[in-house]
N, C-alpha and C. Protein backbone atom coordinates (compact mmCIF):
# COMPACT_ATOMS: atom_id res chain seq x y z
N MET A 1 -12.77 21.60 -7.82
CA MET A 1 -12.23 21.02 -6.61
C MET A 1 -10.96 20.25 -6.95
N THR A 2 -9.98 20.35 -6.08
CA THR A 2 -8.73 19.62 -6.22
C THR A 2 -8.48 18.81 -4.96
N VAL A 3 -8.19 17.54 -5.12
CA VAL A 3 -7.83 16.70 -3.98
C VAL A 3 -6.38 16.99 -3.66
N SER A 4 -6.11 17.40 -2.43
CA SER A 4 -4.74 17.74 -2.05
C SER A 4 -4.03 16.60 -1.34
N ARG A 5 -4.81 15.59 -0.92
CA ARG A 5 -4.21 14.49 -0.16
C ARG A 5 -5.21 13.36 -0.10
N ALA A 6 -4.74 12.13 -0.24
CA ALA A 6 -5.61 10.96 -0.10
C ALA A 6 -4.77 9.82 0.47
N PHE A 7 -5.33 9.12 1.44
CA PHE A 7 -4.63 7.97 2.00
C PHE A 7 -5.63 7.04 2.67
N ALA A 8 -5.24 5.80 2.81
CA ALA A 8 -6.06 4.81 3.48
C ALA A 8 -5.76 4.80 4.97
N ASN A 9 -6.74 4.35 5.74
CA ASN A 9 -6.57 4.16 7.18
C ASN A 9 -6.83 2.70 7.51
N VAL A 10 -5.98 2.11 8.31
CA VAL A 10 -6.14 0.74 8.78
C VAL A 10 -6.71 0.80 10.19
N LEU A 11 -7.75 0.01 10.45
CA LEU A 11 -8.31 -0.07 11.80
C LEU A 11 -7.64 -1.21 12.54
N THR A 12 -7.37 -0.99 13.83
CA THR A 12 -6.63 -1.98 14.59
C THR A 12 -6.98 -1.93 16.08
N ASP A 13 -6.75 -3.03 16.75
CA ASP A 13 -6.82 -3.07 18.21
C ASP A 13 -5.44 -2.82 18.81
N ASP A 14 -4.40 -2.84 17.97
CA ASP A 14 -3.02 -2.68 18.42
C ASP A 14 -2.33 -1.63 17.56
N VAL A 15 -2.50 -0.36 17.93
CA VAL A 15 -1.96 0.75 17.15
C VAL A 15 -0.44 0.64 17.04
N ALA A 16 0.24 0.42 18.15
CA ALA A 16 1.71 0.36 18.14
C ALA A 16 2.22 -0.82 17.32
N GLY A 17 1.59 -1.98 17.45
CA GLY A 17 2.02 -3.16 16.69
C GLY A 17 1.82 -2.98 15.20
N THR A 18 0.71 -2.36 14.81
CA THR A 18 0.45 -2.11 13.39
C THR A 18 1.42 -1.07 12.86
N ARG A 19 1.66 -0.03 13.64
CA ARG A 19 2.66 0.99 13.27
C ARG A 19 4.02 0.33 13.02
N ASP A 20 4.45 -0.50 13.96
CA ASP A 20 5.75 -1.15 13.84
C ASP A 20 5.82 -2.09 12.65
N PHE A 21 4.72 -2.76 12.32
CA PHE A 21 4.67 -3.64 11.14
C PHE A 21 5.05 -2.84 9.89
N TYR A 22 4.38 -1.72 9.65
CA TYR A 22 4.64 -0.94 8.43
C TYR A 22 5.97 -0.20 8.47
N VAL A 23 6.39 0.24 9.64
CA VAL A 23 7.71 0.89 9.76
C VAL A 23 8.82 -0.12 9.50
N ASN A 24 8.74 -1.28 10.14
CA ASN A 24 9.81 -2.28 10.02
C ASN A 24 9.83 -2.98 8.67
N LEU A 25 8.66 -3.21 8.06
CA LEU A 25 8.63 -3.91 6.77
C LEU A 25 8.94 -2.97 5.61
N LEU A 26 8.32 -1.80 5.59
CA LEU A 26 8.40 -0.92 4.42
C LEU A 26 9.17 0.38 4.66
N GLY A 27 9.65 0.59 5.87
CA GLY A 27 10.47 1.78 6.13
C GLY A 27 9.70 3.08 6.24
N PHE A 28 8.41 3.01 6.55
CA PHE A 28 7.64 4.23 6.74
C PHE A 28 8.23 5.06 7.89
N THR A 29 8.00 6.35 7.85
CA THR A 29 8.38 7.28 8.91
C THR A 29 7.13 7.66 9.68
N VAL A 30 7.24 7.71 10.99
CA VAL A 30 6.11 8.11 11.82
C VAL A 30 6.03 9.63 11.81
N ALA A 31 4.97 10.18 11.22
CA ALA A 31 4.78 11.62 11.15
C ALA A 31 3.95 12.13 12.32
N PHE A 32 3.02 11.29 12.81
CA PHE A 32 2.21 11.63 13.98
C PHE A 32 1.96 10.33 14.73
N ASP A 33 2.06 10.38 16.07
CA ASP A 33 1.94 9.17 16.86
C ASP A 33 1.14 9.46 18.12
N SER A 34 0.04 8.73 18.31
CA SER A 34 -0.73 8.83 19.55
C SER A 34 -1.26 7.44 19.86
N ASP A 35 -2.00 7.31 20.97
CA ASP A 35 -2.52 6.00 21.33
C ASP A 35 -3.76 5.62 20.52
N TRP A 36 -4.33 6.55 19.76
CA TRP A 36 -5.52 6.25 18.97
C TRP A 36 -5.33 6.43 17.46
N PHE A 37 -4.30 7.18 17.04
CA PHE A 37 -4.07 7.41 15.61
C PHE A 37 -2.58 7.60 15.35
N VAL A 38 -2.12 7.00 14.25
CA VAL A 38 -0.74 7.17 13.79
C VAL A 38 -0.80 7.51 12.31
N ASN A 39 0.02 8.47 11.89
CA ASN A 39 0.14 8.80 10.47
C ASN A 39 1.56 8.47 10.04
N LEU A 40 1.65 7.62 9.02
CA LEU A 40 2.94 7.20 8.47
C LEU A 40 3.14 7.82 7.11
N THR A 41 4.38 8.20 6.81
CA THR A 41 4.70 8.74 5.48
C THR A 41 5.94 8.04 4.95
N SER A 42 6.10 8.14 3.65
CA SER A 42 7.25 7.52 3.00
C SER A 42 7.76 8.44 1.90
N GLY A 43 8.98 8.88 2.04
CA GLY A 43 9.60 9.71 1.00
C GLY A 43 8.90 11.04 0.84
N THR A 44 9.52 11.93 0.12
CA THR A 44 8.90 13.21 -0.20
C THR A 44 9.15 13.53 -1.66
N LEU A 45 8.24 14.28 -2.21
CA LEU A 45 8.39 14.80 -3.56
C LEU A 45 8.79 16.26 -3.39
N ASP A 46 9.99 16.62 -3.82
CA ASP A 46 10.45 17.99 -3.67
C ASP A 46 9.85 18.86 -4.77
N LEU A 47 9.08 19.82 -4.36
CA LEU A 47 8.43 20.72 -5.31
C LEU A 47 9.21 22.01 -5.43
N ASP A 48 9.02 22.72 -6.53
CA ASP A 48 9.73 23.97 -6.77
C ASP A 48 9.49 25.01 -5.68
N ASP A 49 8.30 24.96 -5.05
CA ASP A 49 8.00 25.96 -4.03
C ASP A 49 8.58 25.61 -2.66
N GLY A 50 9.36 24.52 -2.59
CA GLY A 50 10.02 24.16 -1.35
C GLY A 50 9.22 23.27 -0.43
N HIS A 51 7.98 22.93 -0.80
CA HIS A 51 7.17 22.05 0.02
C HIS A 51 7.42 20.60 -0.39
N GLY A 52 7.17 19.69 0.51
CA GLY A 52 7.31 18.27 0.21
C GLY A 52 5.97 17.57 0.39
N THR A 53 5.63 16.71 -0.52
CA THR A 53 4.41 15.92 -0.43
C THR A 53 4.82 14.47 -0.26
N PRO A 54 4.25 13.76 0.73
CA PRO A 54 4.64 12.36 0.91
C PRO A 54 4.39 11.54 -0.35
N ALA A 55 5.34 10.69 -0.68
CA ALA A 55 5.14 9.77 -1.81
C ALA A 55 4.15 8.69 -1.42
N GLY A 56 4.11 8.36 -0.14
CA GLY A 56 3.16 7.38 0.38
C GLY A 56 2.70 7.82 1.75
N GLU A 57 1.47 7.47 2.09
CA GLU A 57 0.93 7.87 3.38
C GLU A 57 -0.08 6.81 3.82
N LEU A 58 -0.09 6.50 5.10
CA LEU A 58 -1.00 5.51 5.66
C LEU A 58 -1.38 5.94 7.06
N GLY A 59 -2.66 5.86 7.37
CA GLY A 59 -3.13 6.15 8.72
C GLY A 59 -3.49 4.86 9.44
N ILE A 60 -3.35 4.88 10.75
CA ILE A 60 -3.70 3.73 11.59
C ILE A 60 -4.59 4.26 12.71
N TRP A 61 -5.82 3.73 12.80
CA TRP A 61 -6.77 4.16 13.82
C TRP A 61 -7.06 3.04 14.79
N ARG A 62 -7.15 3.37 16.06
CA ARG A 62 -7.61 2.39 17.03
C ARG A 62 -9.09 2.11 16.77
N ARG A 63 -9.41 0.84 16.58
CA ARG A 63 -10.74 0.40 16.15
C ARG A 63 -11.87 0.90 17.05
N ASP A 64 -11.64 1.00 18.34
CA ASP A 64 -12.72 1.37 19.27
C ASP A 64 -12.77 2.87 19.58
N HIS A 65 -12.06 3.68 18.79
CA HIS A 65 -12.04 5.12 19.07
C HIS A 65 -13.40 5.75 18.79
N GLU A 66 -13.76 6.72 19.61
CA GLU A 66 -15.06 7.38 19.52
C GLU A 66 -15.33 8.06 18.18
N LEU A 67 -14.31 8.42 17.43
CA LEU A 67 -14.51 9.06 16.12
C LEU A 67 -15.01 8.09 15.05
N LEU A 68 -14.87 6.79 15.30
CA LEU A 68 -15.34 5.80 14.34
C LEU A 68 -16.74 5.35 14.71
N PRO A 69 -17.70 5.47 13.79
CA PRO A 69 -19.05 4.99 14.09
C PRO A 69 -19.05 3.48 14.37
N ASP A 70 -19.89 3.05 15.28
CA ASP A 70 -19.93 1.64 15.70
C ASP A 70 -20.02 0.66 14.53
N GLY A 71 -20.79 0.93 13.53
CA GLY A 71 -20.98 0.00 12.43
C GLY A 71 -19.80 -0.14 11.48
N PHE A 72 -18.72 0.59 11.74
CA PHE A 72 -17.56 0.59 10.83
C PHE A 72 -16.28 0.16 11.52
N ARG A 73 -16.38 -0.67 12.53
CA ARG A 73 -15.21 -1.06 13.31
C ARG A 73 -14.78 -2.50 13.08
N GLN A 74 -15.32 -3.17 12.08
CA GLN A 74 -15.03 -4.58 11.85
C GLN A 74 -13.69 -4.80 11.14
N GLN A 75 -13.30 -6.09 11.06
CA GLN A 75 -12.07 -6.48 10.37
C GLN A 75 -12.15 -6.07 8.90
N PRO A 76 -11.00 -5.86 8.26
CA PRO A 76 -11.02 -5.46 6.85
C PRO A 76 -11.55 -6.57 5.96
N GLY A 77 -12.22 -6.20 4.91
CA GLY A 77 -12.70 -7.15 3.93
C GLY A 77 -12.84 -6.45 2.59
N GLY A 78 -12.44 -7.13 1.53
CA GLY A 78 -12.57 -6.53 0.21
C GLY A 78 -11.63 -5.37 -0.04
N VAL A 79 -10.53 -5.32 0.71
CA VAL A 79 -9.57 -4.22 0.57
C VAL A 79 -8.18 -4.81 0.40
N VAL A 80 -7.42 -4.24 -0.52
CA VAL A 80 -6.01 -4.60 -0.71
C VAL A 80 -5.21 -3.31 -0.57
N LEU A 81 -4.23 -3.30 0.32
CA LEU A 81 -3.34 -2.15 0.45
C LEU A 81 -2.12 -2.42 -0.43
N SER A 82 -1.86 -1.55 -1.40
CA SER A 82 -0.77 -1.74 -2.35
C SER A 82 0.34 -0.73 -2.12
N PHE A 83 1.57 -1.23 -2.17
CA PHE A 83 2.75 -0.39 -1.98
C PHE A 83 3.75 -0.75 -3.06
N VAL A 84 4.23 0.24 -3.80
CA VAL A 84 5.24 0.04 -4.83
C VAL A 84 6.59 0.41 -4.22
N VAL A 85 7.54 -0.52 -4.30
CA VAL A 85 8.86 -0.33 -3.71
C VAL A 85 9.92 -0.57 -4.78
N ASP A 86 11.16 -0.23 -4.47
CA ASP A 86 12.22 -0.41 -5.46
C ASP A 86 12.76 -1.84 -5.49
N ASP A 87 12.54 -2.65 -4.43
CA ASP A 87 13.08 -4.02 -4.41
C ASP A 87 12.16 -4.93 -3.60
N VAL A 88 11.18 -5.52 -4.26
CA VAL A 88 10.22 -6.39 -3.59
C VAL A 88 10.90 -7.63 -3.01
N ASP A 89 11.96 -8.10 -3.64
CA ASP A 89 12.66 -9.28 -3.11
C ASP A 89 13.30 -8.99 -1.76
N ALA A 90 13.82 -7.78 -1.58
CA ALA A 90 14.38 -7.40 -0.28
C ALA A 90 13.28 -7.33 0.78
N VAL A 91 12.10 -6.84 0.40
CA VAL A 91 10.97 -6.80 1.33
C VAL A 91 10.56 -8.23 1.70
N HIS A 92 10.59 -9.13 0.72
CA HIS A 92 10.25 -10.54 0.98
C HIS A 92 11.21 -11.14 2.01
N VAL A 93 12.49 -10.89 1.84
CA VAL A 93 13.49 -11.40 2.80
C VAL A 93 13.20 -10.82 4.19
N ARG A 94 12.95 -9.53 4.25
CA ARG A 94 12.64 -8.88 5.53
C ARG A 94 11.39 -9.49 6.16
N ALA A 95 10.36 -9.74 5.36
CA ALA A 95 9.12 -10.35 5.86
C ALA A 95 9.38 -11.75 6.41
N GLN A 96 10.21 -12.52 5.70
CA GLN A 96 10.55 -13.87 6.19
C GLN A 96 11.32 -13.79 7.51
N GLN A 97 12.27 -12.87 7.60
CA GLN A 97 13.07 -12.71 8.82
C GLN A 97 12.20 -12.31 10.00
N GLN A 98 11.14 -11.55 9.73
CA GLN A 98 10.25 -11.09 10.79
C GLN A 98 9.14 -12.10 11.09
N GLY A 99 9.10 -13.21 10.33
CA GLY A 99 8.09 -14.24 10.55
C GLY A 99 6.68 -13.78 10.22
N LEU A 100 6.55 -12.93 9.21
CA LEU A 100 5.24 -12.39 8.84
C LEU A 100 4.45 -13.40 8.01
N ALA A 101 3.14 -13.21 7.96
CA ALA A 101 2.24 -14.11 7.24
C ALA A 101 2.28 -13.81 5.75
N ILE A 102 3.05 -14.60 5.00
CA ILE A 102 3.19 -14.41 3.56
C ILE A 102 2.12 -15.24 2.85
N VAL A 103 1.33 -14.60 2.01
CA VAL A 103 0.28 -15.26 1.26
C VAL A 103 0.85 -15.85 -0.03
N ALA A 104 1.69 -15.09 -0.72
CA ALA A 104 2.33 -15.55 -1.96
C ALA A 104 3.67 -14.83 -2.11
N GLY A 105 4.72 -15.61 -2.33
CA GLY A 105 6.04 -15.04 -2.54
C GLY A 105 6.10 -14.24 -3.83
N PRO A 106 7.20 -13.52 -4.05
CA PRO A 106 7.32 -12.68 -5.24
C PRO A 106 7.13 -13.46 -6.54
N GLN A 107 6.32 -12.90 -7.41
CA GLN A 107 6.04 -13.47 -8.74
C GLN A 107 6.01 -12.35 -9.76
N ASP A 108 6.57 -12.62 -10.94
CA ASP A 108 6.47 -11.65 -12.04
C ASP A 108 5.09 -11.82 -12.68
N LEU A 109 4.37 -10.71 -12.84
CA LEU A 109 3.02 -10.75 -13.39
C LEU A 109 2.98 -10.05 -14.74
N PHE A 110 2.04 -10.46 -15.56
CA PHE A 110 1.95 -10.01 -16.96
C PHE A 110 1.80 -8.50 -17.10
N TYR A 111 1.23 -7.82 -16.12
CA TYR A 111 0.96 -6.39 -16.25
C TYR A 111 2.12 -5.51 -15.81
N GLY A 112 3.29 -6.12 -15.58
CA GLY A 112 4.50 -5.32 -15.32
C GLY A 112 4.79 -5.08 -13.86
N GLN A 113 4.50 -6.03 -13.01
CA GLN A 113 4.82 -5.94 -11.59
C GLN A 113 5.39 -7.27 -11.10
N ARG A 114 6.35 -7.20 -10.22
CA ARG A 114 6.80 -8.36 -9.46
C ARG A 114 6.18 -8.18 -8.09
N ARG A 115 5.27 -9.11 -7.70
CA ARG A 115 4.39 -8.87 -6.56
C ARG A 115 4.57 -9.90 -5.45
N LEU A 116 4.52 -9.40 -4.21
CA LEU A 116 4.52 -10.17 -2.98
C LEU A 116 3.20 -9.87 -2.27
N LEU A 117 2.52 -10.92 -1.77
CA LEU A 117 1.30 -10.72 -0.99
C LEU A 117 1.52 -11.22 0.43
N LEU A 118 1.11 -10.42 1.41
CA LEU A 118 1.17 -10.83 2.80
C LEU A 118 0.02 -10.16 3.53
N THR A 119 -0.18 -10.52 4.79
CA THR A 119 -1.21 -9.87 5.58
C THR A 119 -0.58 -9.06 6.70
N ASP A 120 -1.25 -7.96 7.04
CA ASP A 120 -0.78 -7.17 8.17
C ASP A 120 -1.35 -7.76 9.46
N PRO A 121 -1.01 -7.23 10.61
CA PRO A 121 -1.47 -7.82 11.87
C PRO A 121 -2.99 -7.81 12.05
N ASN A 122 -3.70 -7.07 11.22
CA ASN A 122 -5.15 -6.95 11.33
C ASN A 122 -5.89 -7.81 10.31
N GLY A 123 -5.13 -8.56 9.49
CA GLY A 123 -5.73 -9.41 8.48
C GLY A 123 -5.91 -8.74 7.13
N ALA A 124 -5.49 -7.49 6.98
CA ALA A 124 -5.60 -6.81 5.69
C ALA A 124 -4.60 -7.40 4.71
N LEU A 125 -5.01 -7.60 3.46
CA LEU A 125 -4.12 -8.09 2.42
C LEU A 125 -3.22 -6.94 1.97
N VAL A 126 -1.91 -7.18 1.97
CA VAL A 126 -0.92 -6.18 1.59
C VAL A 126 -0.21 -6.67 0.34
N ASP A 127 -0.25 -5.85 -0.70
CA ASP A 127 0.37 -6.13 -2.00
C ASP A 127 1.60 -5.22 -2.09
N VAL A 128 2.80 -5.83 -2.14
CA VAL A 128 4.04 -5.07 -2.28
C VAL A 128 4.62 -5.45 -3.63
N SER A 129 4.91 -4.46 -4.46
CA SER A 129 5.40 -4.80 -5.80
C SER A 129 6.47 -3.85 -6.28
N THR A 130 7.20 -4.34 -7.28
CA THR A 130 8.23 -3.57 -7.96
C THR A 130 7.93 -3.63 -9.46
N PRO A 131 7.98 -2.49 -10.15
CA PRO A 131 7.71 -2.51 -11.59
C PRO A 131 8.72 -3.39 -12.35
N THR A 132 8.20 -4.12 -13.33
CA THR A 132 9.00 -4.94 -14.24
C THR A 132 8.46 -4.71 -15.65
N ALA A 133 9.00 -5.43 -16.60
CA ALA A 133 8.52 -5.32 -17.97
C ALA A 133 7.16 -6.02 -18.12
N MET A 134 6.27 -5.38 -18.86
CA MET A 134 4.97 -6.00 -19.16
C MET A 134 5.18 -7.08 -20.21
N SER A 135 4.30 -8.08 -20.21
CA SER A 135 4.36 -9.10 -21.25
C SER A 135 4.04 -8.45 -22.60
N GLU A 136 4.56 -9.04 -23.68
CA GLU A 136 4.30 -8.49 -25.01
C GLU A 136 2.81 -8.50 -25.32
N ALA A 137 2.13 -9.57 -24.94
CA ALA A 137 0.69 -9.67 -25.20
C ALA A 137 -0.09 -8.58 -24.46
N PHE A 138 0.29 -8.33 -23.21
CA PHE A 138 -0.40 -7.29 -22.44
C PHE A 138 -0.13 -5.92 -23.05
N THR A 139 1.13 -5.64 -23.37
CA THR A 139 1.50 -4.36 -23.97
C THR A 139 0.73 -4.15 -25.27
N ALA A 140 0.60 -5.19 -26.08
CA ALA A 140 -0.13 -5.08 -27.35
C ALA A 140 -1.62 -4.83 -27.15
N SER A 141 -2.14 -5.14 -25.96
CA SER A 141 -3.57 -4.96 -25.70
C SER A 141 -3.91 -3.56 -25.21
N LEU A 142 -2.92 -2.70 -25.06
CA LEU A 142 -3.15 -1.37 -24.51
C LEU A 142 -3.24 -0.31 -25.60
N VAL A 143 -4.09 0.68 -25.37
CA VAL A 143 -4.20 1.84 -26.26
C VAL A 143 -4.24 3.10 -25.42
N GLN A 144 -3.73 4.18 -25.98
CA GLN A 144 -3.77 5.49 -25.31
C GLN A 144 -5.03 6.20 -25.74
N ASP A 145 -5.81 6.69 -24.77
CA ASP A 145 -7.05 7.42 -25.04
C ASP A 145 -6.96 8.73 -24.27
N GLY A 146 -6.39 9.75 -24.90
CA GLY A 146 -6.15 11.01 -24.18
C GLY A 146 -5.12 10.78 -23.09
N ASN A 147 -5.48 11.08 -21.85
CA ASN A 147 -4.58 10.87 -20.72
C ASN A 147 -4.75 9.50 -20.08
N THR A 148 -5.62 8.68 -20.64
CA THR A 148 -5.93 7.38 -20.06
C THR A 148 -5.38 6.26 -20.93
N ILE A 149 -4.78 5.27 -20.30
CA ILE A 149 -4.38 4.05 -21.01
C ILE A 149 -5.49 3.04 -20.77
N ARG A 150 -5.98 2.44 -21.85
CA ARG A 150 -7.06 1.47 -21.75
C ARG A 150 -6.61 0.13 -22.33
N GLN A 151 -7.19 -0.92 -21.79
CA GLN A 151 -6.97 -2.22 -22.37
C GLN A 151 -8.09 -2.47 -23.38
N LYS A 152 -7.70 -2.88 -24.59
CA LYS A 152 -8.68 -3.16 -25.65
C LYS A 152 -9.60 -4.29 -25.20
N PRO A 153 -10.89 -4.15 -25.52
CA PRO A 153 -11.79 -5.26 -25.20
C PRO A 153 -11.40 -6.50 -26.01
N GLU A 154 -11.58 -7.69 -25.41
CA GLU A 154 -11.23 -8.92 -26.11
C GLU A 154 -12.09 -9.14 -27.34
N HIS A 155 -13.36 -8.74 -27.24
CA HIS A 155 -14.29 -8.93 -28.35
C HIS A 155 -14.96 -7.59 -28.67
N PRO A 156 -14.44 -6.89 -29.69
CA PRO A 156 -14.98 -5.56 -30.01
C PRO A 156 -16.45 -5.56 -30.37
């Protein structure tokens, strides 16, 4: 089996407002738009066969839609939506200009990301980051294991 596509869906009471949040903050393109579901995409990967695969994709569902079982319509919890961008500081400025709920301004983190945290209109935690250099200590703690990079255990 091969997974050909994977993306998260955000549940909302305000489909248009949530759509506009992600379009205006991160520059997503609206690929499909209805009153109950919106599909957003970002960029394309040009393949040799002429097809394009979205670099990023996000779905937005109206929380009370009949396709969602009743027990799964609550506010988000235990979920972080992560987006890697080329300039997190520019996204931070845009978020401030739009008066969005910023949880933590951009910070350089040891694992090689400059990260901004904010919430979307539905209360979901949104992590926007730009790759940076990893700390020397973190880099030294990594080992290659086949196709997987692993962090060495602190106490072998």
